[in-house]
C-alpha atoms as a PDB file:
ATOM      1  CA  UNK A   1     -14.286   0.607   0.800  1.00  0.00           C
ATOM      2  CA  UNK A   2     -11.006  -1.067  -0.286  1.00  0.00           C
ATOM      3  CA  UNK A   3      -8.555  -2.461   2.177  1.00  0.00           C
ATOM      4  CA  UNK A   4      -5.095  -3.984   1.945  1.00  0.00           C
ATOM      5  CA  UNK A   5      -2.587  -5.579   4.255  1.00  0.00           C
ATOM      6  CA  UNK A   6       0.844  -4.056   3.951  1.00  0.00           C
ATOM      7  CA  UNK A   7       3.802  -6.355   4.552  1.00  0.00           C
ATOM      8  CA  UNK A   8       7.405  -5.463   5.324  1.00  0.00           C
ATOM      9  CA  UNK A   9       9.779  -8.419   4.779  1.00  0.00           C
ATOM     10  CA  UNK A  10       6.762 -10.779   4.844  1.00  0.00           C
ATOM     11  CA  UNK A  11       5.578  -9.480   8.212  1.00  0.00           C
ATOM     12  CA  UNK A  12       2.275  -7.669   8.522  1.00  0.00           C
ATOM     13  CA  UNK A  13       3.139  -4.045   9.164  1.00  0.00           C
ATOM     14  CA  UNK A  14      -0.188  -2.268   8.734  1.00  0.00           C
ATOM     15  CA  UNK A  15      -3.491  -1.725   6.948  1.00  0.00           C
ATOM     16  CA  UNK A  16      -4.107   0.629   4.047  1.00  0.00           C
ATOM     17  CA  UNK A  17      -7.735   1.676   3.484  1.00  0.00           C
ATOM     18  CA  UNK A  18      -9.541   3.795   0.892  1.00  0.00           C
ATOM     19  CA  UNK A  19     -13.019   5.148   1.700  1.00  0.00           C
ATOM     20  CA  UNK A  20     -15.115   8.175   0.869  1.00  0.00           C
ATOM     21  CA  UNK A  21     -12.821  10.351   3.050  1.00  0.00           C
ATOM     22  CA  UNK A  22      -9.627   9.376   1.273  1.00  0.00           C
ATOM     23  CA  UNK A  23      -6.741   7.044   2.202  1.00  0.00           C
ATOM     24  CA  UNK A  24      -5.735   5.848   5.649  1.00  0.00           C
ATOM     25  CA  UNK A  25      -2.726   3.872   6.845  1.00  0.00           C
ATOM     26  CA  UNK A  26      -2.296   2.428  10.332  1.00  0.00           C
ATOM     27  CA  UNK A  27       0.595   0.383  11.590  1.00  0.00           C
ATOM     28  CA  UNK A  28      -0.291  -2.946  13.176  1.00  0.00           C
ATOM     29  CA  UNK A  29       0.167  -2.725  16.992  1.00  0.00           C
ATOM     30  CA  UNK A  30       2.028  -6.013  17.243  1.00  0.00           C
ATOM     31  CA  UNK A  31       4.372  -4.846  14.442  1.00  0.00           C
ATOM     32  CA  UNK A  32       4.984  -1.498  16.216  1.00  0.00           C
ATOM     33  CA  UNK A  33       5.985  -3.251  19.441  1.00  0.00           C
ATOM     34  CA  UNK A  34       8.127  -5.943  17.859  1.00  0.00           C
ATOM     35  CA  UNK A  35      11.947  -5.968  17.794  1.00  0.00           C
ATOM     36  CA  UNK A  36      11.982  -5.940  13.982  1.00  0.00           C
ATOM     37  CA  UNK A  37       9.723  -2.878  13.526  1.00  0.00           C
ATOM     38  CA  UNK A  38      10.934  -0.323  11.003  1.00  0.00           C
ATOM     39  CA  UNK A  39       9.010   2.251   9.030  1.00  0.00           C
ATOM     40  CA  UNK A  40       7.819   1.223   5.563  1.00  0.00           C
ATOM     41  CA  UNK A  41       8.805   4.668   4.358  1.00  0.00           C
ATOM     42  CA  UNK A  42      10.544   7.801   5.664  1.00  0.00           C
ATOM     43  CA  UNK A  43       7.285   9.649   4.981  1.00  0.00           C
ATOM     44  CA  UNK A  44       5.338   7.159   7.143  1.00  0.00           C
ATOM     45  CA  UNK A  45       7.419   6.916  10.344  1.00  0.00           C
ATOM     46  CA  UNK A  46       6.472   4.385  13.051  1.00  0.00           C
ATOM     47  CA  UNK A  47       3.474   5.769  14.929  1.00  0.00           C
ATOM     48  CA  UNK A  48       0.337   4.564  16.644  1.00  0.00           C
ATOM     49  CA  UNK A  49      -1.597   7.376  14.931  1.00  0.00           C
ATOM     50  CA  UNK A  50      -3.560   6.835  11.704  1.00  0.00           C
ATOM     51  CA  UNK A  51      -2.088   8.564   8.643  1.00  0.00           C
ATOM     52  CA  UNK A  52      -4.761  10.164   6.449  1.00  0.00           C
ATOM     53  CA  UNK A  53      -4.627  11.745   3.010  1.00  0.00           C
ATOM     54  CA  UNK A  54      -7.116  12.827   0.372  1.00  0.00           C
ATOM     55  CA  UNK A  55      -4.899  11.274  -2.371  1.00  0.00           C
ATOM     56  CA  UNK A  56      -2.877   8.064  -2.453  1.00  0.00           C
ATOM     57  CA  UNK A  57       0.222   8.344  -0.216  1.00  0.00           C
ATOM     58  CA  UNK A  58       3.206   9.032  -2.487  1.00  0.00           C
ATOM     59  CA  UNK A  59       5.037   6.001  -1.124  1.00  0.00           C
ATOM     60  CA  UNK A  60       2.257   3.589  -2.170  1.00  0.00           C
ATOM     61  CA  UNK A  61       1.700   5.368  -5.479  1.00  0.00           C
ATOM     62  CA  UNK A  62       5.428   4.878  -6.195  1.00  0.00           C
ATOM     63  CA  UNK A  63       4.976   1.087  -5.903  1.00  0.00           C
ATOM     64  CA  UNK A  64       2.627   1.033  -8.889  1.00  0.00           C
ATOM     65  CA  UNK A  65       4.303   0.032 -12.166  1.00  0.00           C
ATOM     66  CA  UNK A  66       4.649   2.559 -14.980  1.00  0.00           C
ATOM     67  CA  UNK A  67       4.913   2.576 -18.740  1.00  0.00           C
ATOM     68  CA  UNK A  68       4.547  -0.614 -20.746  1.00  0.00           C
ATOM     69  CA  UNK A  69       4.207  -2.720 -17.572  1.00  0.00           C
ATOM     70  CA  UNK A  70       1.244  -0.655 -16.405  1.00  0.00           C
ATOM     71  CA  UNK A  71      -0.279  -0.901 -19.862  1.00  0.00           C
ATOM     72  CA  UNK A  72      -0.087  -4.690 -19.737  1.00  0.00           C
ATOM     73  CA  UNK A  73      -1.652  -4.774 -16.231  1.00  0.00           C
ATOM     74  CA  UNK A  74      -4.485  -2.484 -17.349  1.00  0.00           C
ATOM     75  CA  UNK A  75      -5.274  -4.637 -20.348  1.00  0.00           C
ATOM     76  CA  UNK A  76      -5.046  -7.966 -18.550  1.00  0.00           C
ATOM     77  CA  UNK A  77      -7.041  -6.954 -15.442  1.00  0.00           C
ATOM     78  CA  UNK A  78      -9.157  -4.241 -17.131  1.00  0.00           C
ATOM     79  CA  UNK A  79      -8.017  -1.613 -14.616  1.00  0.00           C
ATOM     80  CA  UNK A  80      -8.875   2.059 -14.610  1.00  0.00           C
ATOM     81  CA  UNK A  81      -5.540   3.902 -14.303  1.00  0.00           C
ATOM     82  CA  UNK A  82      -7.216   6.648 -12.281  1.00  0.00           C
ATOM     83  CA  UNK A  83      -8.282   4.119  -9.607  1.00  0.00           C
ATOM     84  CA  UNK A  84      -4.874   4.041  -7.931  1.00  0.00           C
ATOM     85  CA  UNK A  85      -5.989   1.789  -5.073  1.00  0.00           C
ATOM     86  CA  UNK A  86      -7.310  -0.891  -7.433  1.00  0.00           C
ATOM     87  CA  UNK A  87      -4.127  -0.750  -9.503  1.00  0.00           C
ATOM     88  CA  UNK A  88      -2.067  -1.017  -6.301  1.00  0.00           C
ATOM     89  CA  UNK A  89      -4.054  -4.029  -5.104  1.00  0.00           C
ATOM     90  CA  UNK A  90      -3.758  -5.871  -8.390  1.00  0.00           C
ATOM     91  CA  UNK A  91      -0.133  -5.112  -9.232  1.00  0.00           C
ATOM     92  CA  UNK A  92       1.815  -4.881  -5.946  1.00  0.00           C
ATOM     93  CA  UNK A  93       1.340  -8.285  -4.329  1.00  0.00           C
ATOM     94  CA  UNK A  94       4.922  -9.186  -5.144  1.00  0.00           C
ATOM     95  CA  UNK A  95       6.841  -5.953  -5.487  1.00  0.00           C
ATOM     96  CA  UNK A  96      10.559  -5.493  -5.878  1.00  0.00           C
ATOM     97  CA  UNK A  97      11.876  -4.535  -2.448  1.00  0.00           C
ATOM     98  CA  UNK A  98      10.770  -5.087   1.097  1.00  0.00           C
ATOM     99  CA  UNK A  99       7.119  -3.989   0.905  1.00  0.00           C
ATOM    100  CA  UNK A 100       4.242  -5.966  -0.584  1.00  0.00           C
ATOM    101  CA  UNK A 101       0.508  -5.414  -0.673  1.00  0.00           C
ATOM    102  CA  UNK A 102      -2.264  -8.042  -0.177  1.00  0.00           C
ATOM    103  CA  UNK A 103      -5.931  -7.245  -0.815  1.00  0.00           C
ATOM    104  CA  UNK A 104      -8.291  -7.949   2.062  1.00  0.00           C
END
């Protein structure tokens, strides 16, 4: 099982998990009830429910670099491009934008 903390503006917003059943995202309860809570994506609105998908959520997949930058990451970290969670964990710690990913 692979797990990651998802941060929005440097505040823990939730946990992303990959297991044998697919991908799961759950917002952190303290984040949900805070004054600064906002959804990380329009496709993942604020909710106490766990989001589940058989494939990587499109929002998270969209954070992964493409083209020559992905080629460099694959060579440097010996990543399998089909293992989207591993690529996300290694390349999205310091993303452009509000969201960042930290491996647990």
